[in-house]
Amino acid sequence: MGDHVLVVLDEAYCEFVERVDYPNGLDDLRRGANVIVLRTFSKIYGLAGVRIGYGVAAGEVVVNINRVRSPFNTSSLAQAAALGALDDDEWAIGSREHNLREMRFLEGELTRRGVHFTPSVTNFILIEFPSDIARLFMEFQKLGVIIRPVGGPGMVNCGRVSVGTRAENERFLAALDRLAAGAAPA
């Protein structure tokens, strides 16, 4: 790629990842790569409702982005929440530890049930369901559980299940068991 190509790296889930082979876009930026690294406060910090994130790039890239971005594109509330989150390492560490513990629990339970899934390093699991995902989406909802249907090449009947609290994860598993047994929702 030439110098005129800007590579955008979405690192929304990077704080969850604890793998030594996981690349860090900031390292690429420090080496002079023409990249912009995007991160969010929606995931590990739990601030999805305030819709705030940030990008890190070379000064020239930032200047050009500022020429076309909307003025006042974040609220002062969102900015205050983000600054507070940056000062709360304990929250981020606790979120990551909770997610890892519950991810292991869910993956273990899915394995025990023989459910096909893609191992994850984020805060959700991609599951390959044995039947129509559109129908299952509705059936799970009737049982008080929300899954997100996922499509794309090779992703037939796949759904995304977020890692939650132990009670939420057990509720998902109970709904999964009920639907696998052919029981209709009440």
N, C-alpha and C. Protein backbone atom coordinates (compact mmCIF):
# COMPACT_ATOMS: atom_id res chain seq x y z
N MET A 1 0.84 -1.18 0.00
CA MET A 1 0.00 0.00 0.00
C MET A 1 0.88 1.24 0.00
N GLY A 2 0.40 2.24 -0.67
CA GLY A 2 1.14 3.49 -0.72
C GLY A 2 0.87 4.35 0.50
N ASP A 3 1.63 5.44 0.59
CA ASP A 3 1.48 6.35 1.72
C ASP A 3 0.13 7.08 1.69
N HIS A 4 -0.56 7.04 0.57
CA HIS A 4 -1.83 7.74 0.45
C HIS A 4 -3.01 6.94 1.01
N VAL A 5 -2.75 5.72 1.46
CA VAL A 5 -3.81 4.86 2.00
C VAL A 5 -3.76 4.90 3.52
N LEU A 6 -4.87 5.27 4.12
CA LEU A 6 -4.99 5.29 5.58
C LEU A 6 -5.70 4.02 6.01
N VAL A 7 -5.08 3.26 6.88
CA VAL A 7 -5.67 2.03 7.40
C VAL A 7 -6.36 2.37 8.72
N VAL A 8 -7.62 2.00 8.83
CA VAL A 8 -8.41 2.25 10.03
C VAL A 8 -8.49 0.94 10.82
N LEU A 9 -7.99 0.96 12.04
CA LEU A 9 -8.00 -0.22 12.89
C LEU A 9 -9.05 -0.03 13.99
N ASP A 10 -10.06 -0.89 13.99
CA ASP A 10 -11.10 -0.85 15.01
C ASP A 10 -10.65 -1.74 16.16
N GLU A 11 -10.27 -1.13 17.26
CA GLU A 11 -9.81 -1.87 18.43
C GLU A 11 -10.79 -1.74 19.59
N ALA A 12 -12.08 -1.86 19.28
CA ALA A 12 -13.13 -1.68 20.29
C ALA A 12 -13.02 -2.67 21.44
N TYR A 13 -12.49 -3.86 21.17
CA TYR A 13 -12.45 -4.90 22.19
C TYR A 13 -11.04 -5.13 22.75
N CYS A 14 -10.09 -4.29 22.42
CA CYS A 14 -8.69 -4.57 22.76
C CYS A 14 -8.45 -4.73 24.26
N GLU A 15 -9.20 -4.02 25.09
CA GLU A 15 -8.98 -4.12 26.54
C GLU A 15 -9.38 -5.48 27.11
N PHE A 16 -10.17 -6.23 26.38
CA PHE A 16 -10.56 -7.56 26.84
C PHE A 16 -9.51 -8.62 26.53
N VAL A 17 -8.68 -8.37 25.54
CA VAL A 17 -7.78 -9.39 25.02
C VAL A 17 -6.55 -9.54 25.91
N GLU A 18 -6.26 -10.79 26.26
CA GLU A 18 -5.08 -11.10 27.06
C GLU A 18 -4.22 -12.14 26.36
N ARG A 19 -3.98 -11.92 25.08
CA ARG A 19 -3.14 -12.82 24.28
C ARG A 19 -1.87 -12.09 23.89
N VAL A 20 -0.75 -12.78 23.97
CA VAL A 20 0.51 -12.14 23.63
C VAL A 20 0.65 -11.93 22.12
N ASP A 21 -0.09 -12.68 21.32
CA ASP A 21 0.00 -12.54 19.87
C ASP A 21 -1.01 -11.55 19.29
N TYR A 22 -1.73 -10.84 20.15
CA TYR A 22 -2.71 -9.86 19.68
C TYR A 22 -2.00 -8.55 19.36
N PRO A 23 -2.09 -8.08 18.11
CA PRO A 23 -1.37 -6.86 17.74
C PRO A 23 -2.01 -5.62 18.36
N ASN A 24 -1.20 -4.62 18.60
CA ASN A 24 -1.65 -3.35 19.15
C ASN A 24 -1.40 -2.29 18.08
N GLY A 25 -2.45 -1.70 17.56
CA GLY A 25 -2.33 -0.70 16.51
C GLY A 25 -1.50 0.49 16.89
N LEU A 26 -1.44 0.81 18.19
CA LEU A 26 -0.61 1.94 18.62
C LEU A 26 0.86 1.67 18.34
N ASP A 27 1.28 0.40 18.41
CA ASP A 27 2.66 0.05 18.05
C ASP A 27 2.91 0.35 16.58
N ASP A 28 1.95 0.02 15.72
CA ASP A 28 2.08 0.32 14.29
C ASP A 28 2.19 1.82 14.06
N LEU A 29 1.37 2.58 14.77
CA LEU A 29 1.40 4.03 14.65
C LEU A 29 2.76 4.59 15.08
N ARG A 30 3.27 4.08 16.19
CA ARG A 30 4.59 4.53 16.68
C ARG A 30 5.70 4.23 15.67
N ARG A 31 5.54 3.14 14.91
CA ARG A 31 6.53 2.77 13.90
C ARG A 31 6.38 3.58 12.62
N GLY A 32 5.40 4.46 12.58
CA GLY A 32 5.22 5.33 11.42
C GLY A 32 4.21 4.84 10.40
N ALA A 33 3.48 3.79 10.70
CA ALA A 33 2.47 3.29 9.77
C ALA A 33 1.36 4.33 9.62
N ASN A 34 0.77 4.38 8.45
CA ASN A 34 -0.30 5.32 8.17
C ASN A 34 -1.63 4.71 8.64
N VAL A 35 -1.85 4.74 9.95
CA VAL A 35 -3.03 4.14 10.56
C VAL A 35 -3.72 5.13 11.48
N ILE A 36 -5.00 4.89 11.66
CA ILE A 36 -5.75 5.54 12.74
C ILE A 36 -6.33 4.41 13.57
N VAL A 37 -6.10 4.48 14.86
CA VAL A 37 -6.56 3.45 15.78
C VAL A 37 -7.81 3.97 16.48
N LEU A 38 -8.90 3.24 16.34
CA LEU A 38 -10.17 3.63 16.96
C LEU A 38 -10.45 2.76 18.17
N ARG A 39 -10.83 3.41 19.25
CA ARG A 39 -11.20 2.69 20.48
C ARG A 39 -12.48 3.31 21.03
N THR A 40 -13.11 2.59 21.94
CA THR A 40 -14.40 3.03 22.45
C THR A 40 -14.47 2.88 23.96
N PHE A 41 -15.37 3.62 24.53
CA PHE A 41 -15.67 3.48 25.96
C PHE A 41 -16.91 2.61 26.15
N SER A 42 -17.48 2.11 25.06
CA SER A 42 -18.72 1.34 25.11
C SER A 42 -18.54 -0.06 25.67
N LYS A 43 -17.39 -0.64 25.52
CA LYS A 43 -17.21 -2.06 25.86
C LYS A 43 -16.72 -2.23 27.29
N ILE A 44 -15.41 -2.19 27.51
CA ILE A 44 -14.85 -2.49 28.84
C ILE A 44 -15.32 -1.49 29.90
N TYR A 45 -15.56 -0.24 29.48
CA TYR A 45 -15.96 0.79 30.44
C TYR A 45 -17.49 0.85 30.63
N GLY A 46 -18.24 0.13 29.79
CA GLY A 46 -19.69 0.07 29.95
C GLY A 46 -20.42 1.36 29.66
N LEU A 47 -19.88 2.20 28.79
CA LEU A 47 -20.50 3.49 28.50
C LEU A 47 -21.17 3.54 27.14
N ALA A 48 -21.77 2.43 26.71
CA ALA A 48 -22.38 2.38 25.38
C ALA A 48 -23.45 3.46 25.20
N GLY A 49 -24.18 3.76 26.25
CA GLY A 49 -25.26 4.72 26.15
C GLY A 49 -24.83 6.15 25.89
N VAL A 50 -23.59 6.49 26.21
CA VAL A 50 -23.15 7.87 25.99
C VAL A 50 -22.44 8.06 24.66
N ARG A 51 -22.21 6.97 23.93
CA ARG A 51 -21.69 7.02 22.57
C ARG A 51 -20.41 7.86 22.45
N ILE A 52 -19.34 7.36 23.07
CA ILE A 52 -18.07 8.09 22.98
C ILE A 52 -16.92 7.12 22.78
N GLY A 53 -16.00 7.55 21.98
CA GLY A 53 -14.78 6.79 21.71
C GLY A 53 -13.70 7.77 21.30
N TYR A 54 -12.60 7.24 20.80
CA TYR A 54 -11.52 8.13 20.37
C TYR A 54 -10.70 7.47 19.29
N GLY A 55 -9.96 8.31 18.58
CA GLY A 55 -9.05 7.84 17.56
C GLY A 55 -7.67 8.38 17.84
N VAL A 56 -6.66 7.58 17.52
CA VAL A 56 -5.26 8.00 17.69
C VAL A 56 -4.62 7.89 16.31
N ALA A 57 -4.00 8.98 15.88
CA ALA A 57 -3.38 9.00 14.55
C ALA A 57 -2.26 10.03 14.53
N ALA A 58 -1.54 10.06 13.44
CA ALA A 58 -0.51 11.08 13.24
C ALA A 58 -1.16 12.45 13.20
N GLY A 59 -0.41 13.47 13.60
CA GLY A 59 -0.94 14.83 13.66
C GLY A 59 -1.58 15.29 12.38
N GLU A 60 -0.97 14.99 11.25
CA GLU A 60 -1.51 15.40 9.95
C GLU A 60 -2.88 14.77 9.68
N VAL A 61 -3.04 13.53 10.07
CA VAL A 61 -4.32 12.85 9.89
C VAL A 61 -5.39 13.50 10.77
N VAL A 62 -5.03 13.82 12.00
CA VAL A 62 -5.98 14.45 12.92
C VAL A 62 -6.40 15.82 12.38
N VAL A 63 -5.47 16.58 11.86
CA VAL A 63 -5.79 17.89 11.29
C VAL A 63 -6.79 17.74 10.15
N ASN A 64 -6.57 16.77 9.28
CA ASN A 64 -7.49 16.56 8.15
C ASN A 64 -8.86 16.09 8.61
N ILE A 65 -8.90 15.24 9.61
CA ILE A 65 -10.19 14.79 10.14
C ILE A 65 -10.95 15.96 10.76
N ASN A 66 -10.24 16.81 11.47
CA ASN A 66 -10.89 17.96 12.11
C ASN A 66 -11.47 18.93 11.08
N ARG A 67 -10.96 18.91 9.87
CA ARG A 67 -11.50 19.78 8.81
C ARG A 67 -12.90 19.34 8.38
N VAL A 68 -13.22 18.05 8.53
CA VAL A 68 -14.49 17.55 8.02
C VAL A 68 -15.45 17.06 9.11
N ARG A 69 -15.00 16.95 10.33
CA ARG A 69 -15.89 16.46 11.38
C ARG A 69 -16.90 17.52 11.78
N SER A 70 -18.01 17.06 12.29
CA SER A 70 -19.05 17.98 12.75
C SER A 70 -18.59 18.67 14.02
N PRO A 71 -18.92 19.93 14.18
CA PRO A 71 -18.60 20.59 15.46
C PRO A 71 -19.48 20.02 16.57
N PHE A 72 -18.99 20.04 17.77
CA PHE A 72 -19.75 19.57 18.93
C PHE A 72 -20.25 18.14 18.73
N ASN A 73 -19.36 17.26 18.25
CA ASN A 73 -19.78 15.90 17.93
C ASN A 73 -19.84 14.97 19.13
N THR A 74 -19.49 15.44 20.30
CA THR A 74 -19.73 14.69 21.53
C THR A 74 -20.30 15.65 22.56
N SER A 75 -21.09 15.11 23.45
CA SER A 75 -21.68 15.95 24.49
C SER A 75 -20.68 16.13 25.64
N SER A 76 -20.90 17.16 26.42
CA SER A 76 -20.03 17.37 27.59
C SER A 76 -20.21 16.25 28.61
N LEU A 77 -21.41 15.68 28.69
CA LEU A 77 -21.66 14.54 29.57
C LEU A 77 -20.82 13.34 29.14
N ALA A 78 -20.82 13.06 27.83
CA ALA A 78 -20.04 11.94 27.31
C ALA A 78 -18.55 12.16 27.57
N GLN A 79 -18.08 13.37 27.38
CA GLN A 79 -16.67 13.67 27.61
C GLN A 79 -16.31 13.51 29.09
N ALA A 80 -17.19 13.96 29.98
CA ALA A 80 -16.94 13.82 31.42
C ALA A 80 -16.92 12.34 31.81
N ALA A 81 -17.85 11.56 31.25
CA ALA A 81 -17.89 10.12 31.55
C ALA A 81 -16.62 9.44 31.06
N ALA A 82 -16.14 9.80 29.88
CA ALA A 82 -14.92 9.20 29.33
C ALA A 82 -13.71 9.55 30.19
N LEU A 83 -13.61 10.79 30.59
CA LEU A 83 -12.48 11.20 31.44
C LEU A 83 -12.52 10.47 32.78
N GLY A 84 -13.72 10.32 33.33
CA GLY A 84 -13.86 9.57 34.58
C GLY A 84 -13.47 8.11 34.40
N ALA A 85 -13.84 7.53 33.28
CA ALA A 85 -13.51 6.13 33.01
C ALA A 85 -12.00 5.95 32.90
N LEU A 86 -11.33 6.89 32.27
CA LEU A 86 -9.88 6.78 32.12
C LEU A 86 -9.15 6.78 33.47
N ASP A 87 -9.77 7.40 34.46
CA ASP A 87 -9.18 7.45 35.79
C ASP A 87 -9.56 6.26 36.67
N ASP A 88 -10.39 5.35 36.15
CA ASP A 88 -10.89 4.24 36.95
C ASP A 88 -10.36 2.90 36.44
N ASP A 89 -9.07 2.68 36.64
CA ASP A 89 -8.44 1.43 36.22
C ASP A 89 -9.07 0.23 36.92
N GLU A 90 -9.47 0.41 38.17
CA GLU A 90 -10.06 -0.68 38.94
C GLU A 90 -11.32 -1.22 38.25
N TRP A 91 -12.14 -0.33 37.70
CA TRP A 91 -13.35 -0.75 36.99
C TRP A 91 -12.99 -1.58 35.77
N ALA A 92 -12.05 -1.10 34.97
CA ALA A 92 -11.66 -1.81 33.74
C ALA A 92 -11.08 -3.18 34.08
N ILE A 93 -10.25 -3.24 35.09
CA ILE A 93 -9.66 -4.53 35.50
C ILE A 93 -10.75 -5.48 35.98
N GLY A 94 -11.66 -4.97 36.80
CA GLY A 94 -12.77 -5.79 37.29
C GLY A 94 -13.67 -6.27 36.15
N SER A 95 -13.93 -5.40 35.17
CA SER A 95 -14.74 -5.78 34.01
C SER A 95 -14.07 -6.89 33.22
N ARG A 96 -12.76 -6.76 33.01
CA ARG A 96 -12.03 -7.78 32.25
C ARG A 96 -12.03 -9.10 33.01
N GLU A 97 -11.78 -9.07 34.32
CA GLU A 97 -11.76 -10.30 35.11
C GLU A 97 -13.13 -10.98 35.12
N HIS A 98 -14.19 -10.19 35.29
CA HIS A 98 -15.55 -10.73 35.26
C HIS A 98 -15.81 -11.38 33.91
N ASN A 99 -15.49 -10.67 32.84
CA ASN A 99 -15.74 -11.17 31.50
C ASN A 99 -14.98 -12.47 31.25
N LEU A 100 -13.71 -12.53 31.64
CA LEU A 100 -12.92 -13.75 31.44
C LEU A 100 -13.51 -14.93 32.21
N ARG A 101 -13.91 -14.68 33.45
CA ARG A 101 -14.49 -15.74 34.27
C ARG A 101 -15.80 -16.25 33.66
N GLU A 102 -16.67 -15.34 33.27
CA GLU A 102 -17.97 -15.72 32.71
C GLU A 102 -17.82 -16.29 31.30
N MET A 103 -16.82 -15.81 30.55
CA MET A 103 -16.57 -16.38 29.22
C MET A 103 -16.16 -17.84 29.36
N ARG A 104 -15.27 -18.12 30.30
CA ARG A 104 -14.86 -19.52 30.53
C ARG A 104 -16.06 -20.37 30.93
N PHE A 105 -16.91 -19.84 31.79
CA PHE A 105 -18.11 -20.56 32.22
C PHE A 105 -19.00 -20.87 31.02
N LEU A 106 -19.32 -19.84 30.22
CA LEU A 106 -20.19 -20.04 29.07
C LEU A 106 -19.59 -21.01 28.06
N GLU A 107 -18.31 -20.82 27.74
CA GLU A 107 -17.68 -21.71 26.77
C GLU A 107 -17.65 -23.16 27.29
N GLY A 108 -17.41 -23.32 28.57
CA GLY A 108 -17.43 -24.66 29.16
C GLY A 108 -18.81 -25.29 29.07
N GLU A 109 -19.84 -24.52 29.37
CA GLU A 109 -21.21 -25.03 29.32
C GLU A 109 -21.64 -25.34 27.89
N LEU A 110 -21.25 -24.49 26.96
CA LEU A 110 -21.57 -24.74 25.55
C LEU A 110 -20.86 -25.99 25.05
N THR A 111 -19.60 -26.15 25.44
CA THR A 111 -18.84 -27.35 25.05
C THR A 111 -19.50 -28.59 25.62
N ARG A 112 -19.89 -28.53 26.90
CA ARG A 112 -20.55 -29.66 27.55
C ARG A 112 -21.84 -30.05 26.84
N ARG A 113 -22.51 -29.06 26.27
CA ARG A 113 -23.78 -29.31 25.57
C ARG A 113 -23.56 -29.69 24.09
N GLY A 114 -22.32 -29.62 23.63
CA GLY A 114 -22.03 -29.94 22.23
C GLY A 114 -22.42 -28.84 21.26
N VAL A 115 -22.52 -27.62 21.76
CA VAL A 115 -22.90 -26.48 20.92
C VAL A 115 -21.66 -25.95 20.22
N HIS A 116 -21.76 -25.71 18.93
CA HIS A 116 -20.63 -25.19 18.14
C HIS A 116 -20.53 -23.68 18.33
N PHE A 117 -19.34 -23.20 18.68
CA PHE A 117 -19.12 -21.77 18.84
C PHE A 117 -17.68 -21.44 18.45
N THR A 118 -17.46 -20.16 18.21
CA THR A 118 -16.12 -19.68 17.90
C THR A 118 -15.51 -19.17 19.20
N PRO A 119 -14.37 -19.72 19.63
CA PRO A 119 -13.73 -19.19 20.84
C PRO A 119 -13.51 -17.69 20.71
N SER A 120 -13.70 -16.98 21.78
CA SER A 120 -13.71 -15.52 21.74
C SER A 120 -12.68 -14.89 22.67
N VAL A 121 -12.24 -13.71 22.30
CA VAL A 121 -11.39 -12.89 23.18
C VAL A 121 -12.08 -11.56 23.47
N THR A 122 -13.39 -11.49 23.20
CA THR A 122 -14.14 -10.26 23.40
C THR A 122 -15.14 -10.44 24.54
N ASN A 123 -16.26 -9.74 24.47
CA ASN A 123 -17.29 -9.90 25.50
C ASN A 123 -18.56 -10.54 24.93
N PHE A 124 -18.38 -11.32 23.87
CA PHE A 124 -19.49 -12.07 23.30
C PHE A 124 -18.95 -13.34 22.66
N ILE A 125 -19.88 -14.27 22.43
CA ILE A 125 -19.54 -15.54 21.80
C ILE A 125 -20.38 -15.67 20.53
N LEU A 126 -19.76 -16.10 19.44
CA LEU A 126 -20.46 -16.39 18.20
C LEU A 126 -20.82 -17.87 18.21
N ILE A 127 -22.13 -18.13 18.17
CA ILE A 127 -22.63 -19.50 18.26
C ILE A 127 -23.27 -19.89 16.94
N GLU A 128 -22.98 -21.12 16.51
CA GLU A 128 -23.64 -21.68 15.32
C GLU A 128 -24.79 -22.55 15.81
N PHE A 129 -26.00 -22.07 15.58
CA PHE A 129 -27.19 -22.78 16.04
C PHE A 129 -27.60 -23.82 15.00
N PRO A 130 -28.27 -24.91 15.44
CA PRO A 130 -28.63 -25.98 14.52
C PRO A 130 -29.88 -25.70 13.67
N SER A 131 -30.55 -24.58 13.93
CA SER A 131 -31.76 -24.30 13.15
C SER A 131 -31.85 -22.82 12.83
N ASP A 132 -32.90 -22.44 12.16
CA ASP A 132 -33.10 -21.10 11.63
C ASP A 132 -32.91 -20.00 12.68
N ILE A 133 -31.93 -19.14 12.47
CA ILE A 133 -31.59 -18.11 13.46
C ILE A 133 -32.71 -17.08 13.61
N ALA A 134 -33.43 -16.76 12.55
CA ALA A 134 -34.52 -15.79 12.65
C ALA A 134 -35.61 -16.31 13.58
N ARG A 135 -35.93 -17.59 13.46
CA ARG A 135 -36.94 -18.20 14.34
C ARG A 135 -36.42 -18.27 15.77
N LEU A 136 -35.16 -18.69 15.91
CA LEU A 136 -34.58 -18.79 17.25
C LEU A 136 -34.50 -17.44 17.95
N PHE A 137 -34.20 -16.40 17.19
CA PHE A 137 -34.16 -15.05 17.75
C PHE A 137 -35.49 -14.74 18.44
N MET A 138 -36.59 -15.04 17.76
CA MET A 138 -37.92 -14.78 18.32
C MET A 138 -38.22 -15.69 19.50
N GLU A 139 -37.83 -16.96 19.41
CA GLU A 139 -38.08 -17.91 20.50
C GLU A 139 -37.29 -17.52 21.75
N PHE A 140 -36.04 -17.12 21.58
CA PHE A 140 -35.25 -16.66 22.72
C PHE A 140 -35.91 -15.43 23.36
N GLN A 141 -36.38 -14.51 22.53
CA GLN A 141 -37.03 -13.31 23.07
C GLN A 141 -38.24 -13.67 23.92
N LYS A 142 -39.01 -14.65 23.47
CA LYS A 142 -40.19 -15.08 24.25
C LYS A 142 -39.78 -15.62 25.62
N LEU A 143 -38.54 -16.09 25.72
CA LEU A 143 -38.03 -16.61 26.99
C LEU A 143 -37.24 -15.54 27.76
N GLY A 144 -37.30 -14.30 27.27
CA GLY A 144 -36.64 -13.20 27.97
C GLY A 144 -35.15 -13.09 27.73
N VAL A 145 -34.68 -13.66 26.62
CA VAL A 145 -33.25 -13.63 26.30
C VAL A 145 -33.09 -13.03 24.91
N ILE A 146 -32.16 -12.10 24.79
CA ILE A 146 -31.90 -11.47 23.50
C ILE A 146 -30.57 -11.97 22.96
N ILE A 147 -30.62 -12.51 21.76
CA ILE A 147 -29.41 -12.86 21.02
C ILE A 147 -29.40 -11.99 19.77
N ARG A 148 -28.25 -11.84 19.16
CA ARG A 148 -28.17 -11.04 17.94
C ARG A 148 -27.85 -11.94 16.76
N PRO A 149 -28.78 -12.07 15.81
CA PRO A 149 -28.47 -12.85 14.61
C PRO A 149 -27.29 -12.22 13.87
N VAL A 150 -26.42 -13.05 13.33
CA VAL A 150 -25.24 -12.58 12.60
C VAL A 150 -25.24 -13.28 11.25
N GLY A 151 -25.00 -12.52 10.21
CA GLY A 151 -24.96 -13.10 8.88
C GLY A 151 -23.62 -12.85 8.22
N GLY A 152 -23.51 -13.34 7.01
CA GLY A 152 -22.30 -13.16 6.24
C GLY A 152 -21.85 -14.49 5.68
N PRO A 153 -20.84 -14.43 4.83
CA PRO A 153 -20.35 -15.66 4.22
C PRO A 153 -19.94 -16.70 5.27
N GLY A 154 -20.48 -17.91 5.14
CA GLY A 154 -20.14 -18.98 6.06
C GLY A 154 -20.77 -18.87 7.43
N MET A 155 -21.67 -17.93 7.62
CA MET A 155 -22.29 -17.72 8.93
C MET A 155 -23.78 -18.02 8.88
N VAL A 156 -24.09 -19.23 8.52
CA VAL A 156 -25.49 -19.65 8.45
C VAL A 156 -25.96 -20.00 9.85
N ASN A 157 -27.07 -19.40 10.26
CA ASN A 157 -27.68 -19.65 11.57
C ASN A 157 -26.76 -19.33 12.73
N CYS A 158 -25.97 -18.27 12.58
CA CYS A 158 -25.08 -17.84 13.66
C CYS A 158 -25.72 -16.71 14.46
N GLY A 159 -25.43 -16.71 15.73
CA GLY A 159 -25.92 -15.66 16.61
C GLY A 159 -24.84 -15.25 17.59
N ARG A 160 -24.93 -14.01 17.99
CA ARG A 160 -23.98 -13.45 18.94
C ARG A 160 -24.65 -13.39 20.30
N VAL A 161 -23.98 -13.93 21.31
CA VAL A 161 -24.50 -13.93 22.67
C VAL A 161 -23.50 -13.18 23.54
N SER A 162 -23.97 -12.12 24.17
CA SER A 162 -23.10 -11.32 25.04
C SER A 162 -22.85 -12.04 26.35
N VAL A 163 -21.66 -11.85 26.88
CA VAL A 163 -21.31 -12.37 28.20
C VAL A 163 -21.95 -11.44 29.23
N GLY A 164 -22.69 -12.01 30.15
CA GLY A 164 -23.36 -11.19 31.16
C GLY A 164 -22.95 -11.59 32.55
N THR A 165 -23.84 -11.31 33.49
CA THR A 165 -23.63 -11.76 34.86
C THR A 165 -23.85 -13.28 34.90
N ARG A 166 -23.50 -13.92 36.00
CA ARG A 166 -23.74 -15.36 36.10
C ARG A 166 -25.23 -15.66 35.94
N ALA A 167 -26.08 -14.87 36.57
CA ALA A 167 -27.53 -15.10 36.46
C ALA A 167 -28.00 -14.94 35.02
N GLU A 168 -27.52 -13.94 34.31
CA GLU A 168 -27.91 -13.74 32.91
C GLU A 168 -27.41 -14.89 32.03
N ASN A 169 -26.18 -15.32 32.28
CA ASN A 169 -25.62 -16.43 31.51
C ASN A 169 -26.39 -17.72 31.77
N GLU A 170 -26.76 -17.95 33.01
CA GLU A 170 -27.55 -19.14 33.33
C GLU A 170 -28.94 -19.05 32.70
N ARG A 171 -29.49 -17.86 32.64
CA ARG A 171 -30.80 -17.68 32.00
C ARG A 171 -30.71 -18.01 30.51
N PHE A 172 -29.63 -17.55 29.86
CA PHE A 172 -29.43 -17.90 28.45
C PHE A 172 -29.32 -19.42 28.29
N LEU A 173 -28.52 -20.06 29.13
CA LEU A 173 -28.32 -21.51 29.03
C LEU A 173 -29.61 -22.27 29.27
N ALA A 174 -30.42 -21.82 30.22
CA ALA A 174 -31.70 -22.46 30.48
C ALA A 174 -32.62 -22.32 29.26
N ALA A 175 -32.62 -21.14 28.64
CA ALA A 175 -33.43 -20.94 27.43
C ALA A 175 -32.91 -21.82 26.30
N LEU A 176 -31.61 -21.91 26.17
CA LEU A 176 -31.00 -22.76 25.15
C LEU A 176 -31.42 -24.22 25.36
N ASP A 177 -31.35 -24.67 26.60
CA ASP A 177 -31.74 -26.05 26.91
C ASP A 177 -33.22 -26.28 26.59
N ARG A 178 -34.03 -25.33 26.96
CA ARG A 178 -35.47 -25.46 26.73
C ARG A 178 -35.77 -25.54 25.23
N LEU A 179 -35.13 -24.68 24.46
CA LEU A 179 -35.36 -24.68 23.01
C LEU A 179 -34.78 -25.93 22.36
N ALA A 180 -33.63 -26.39 22.87
CA ALA A 180 -33.02 -27.61 22.31
C ALA A 180 -33.90 -28.82 22.59
N ALA A 181 -34.62 -28.79 23.71
CA ALA A 181 -35.49 -29.91 24.06
C ALA A 181 -36.83 -29.85 23.30
N GLY A 182 -37.01 -28.75 22.55
CA GLY A 182 -38.23 -28.62 21.77
C GLY A 182 -39.39 -28.05 22.54
N ALA A 183 -39.11 -27.55 23.74
CA ALA A 183 -40.20 -26.97 24.54
C ALA A 183 -40.56 -25.59 23.99
N ALA A 184 -41.82 -25.35 23.83
CA ALA A 184 -42.28 -24.04 23.36
C ALA A 184 -42.24 -23.05 24.51
N PRO A 185 -41.87 -21.79 24.22
CA PRO A 185 -41.90 -20.76 25.28
C PRO A 185 -43.30 -20.57 25.82
N ALA A 186 -43.37 -20.21 27.07
CA ALA A 186 -44.69 -19.98 27.71
C ALA A 186 -45.29 -18.68 27.27
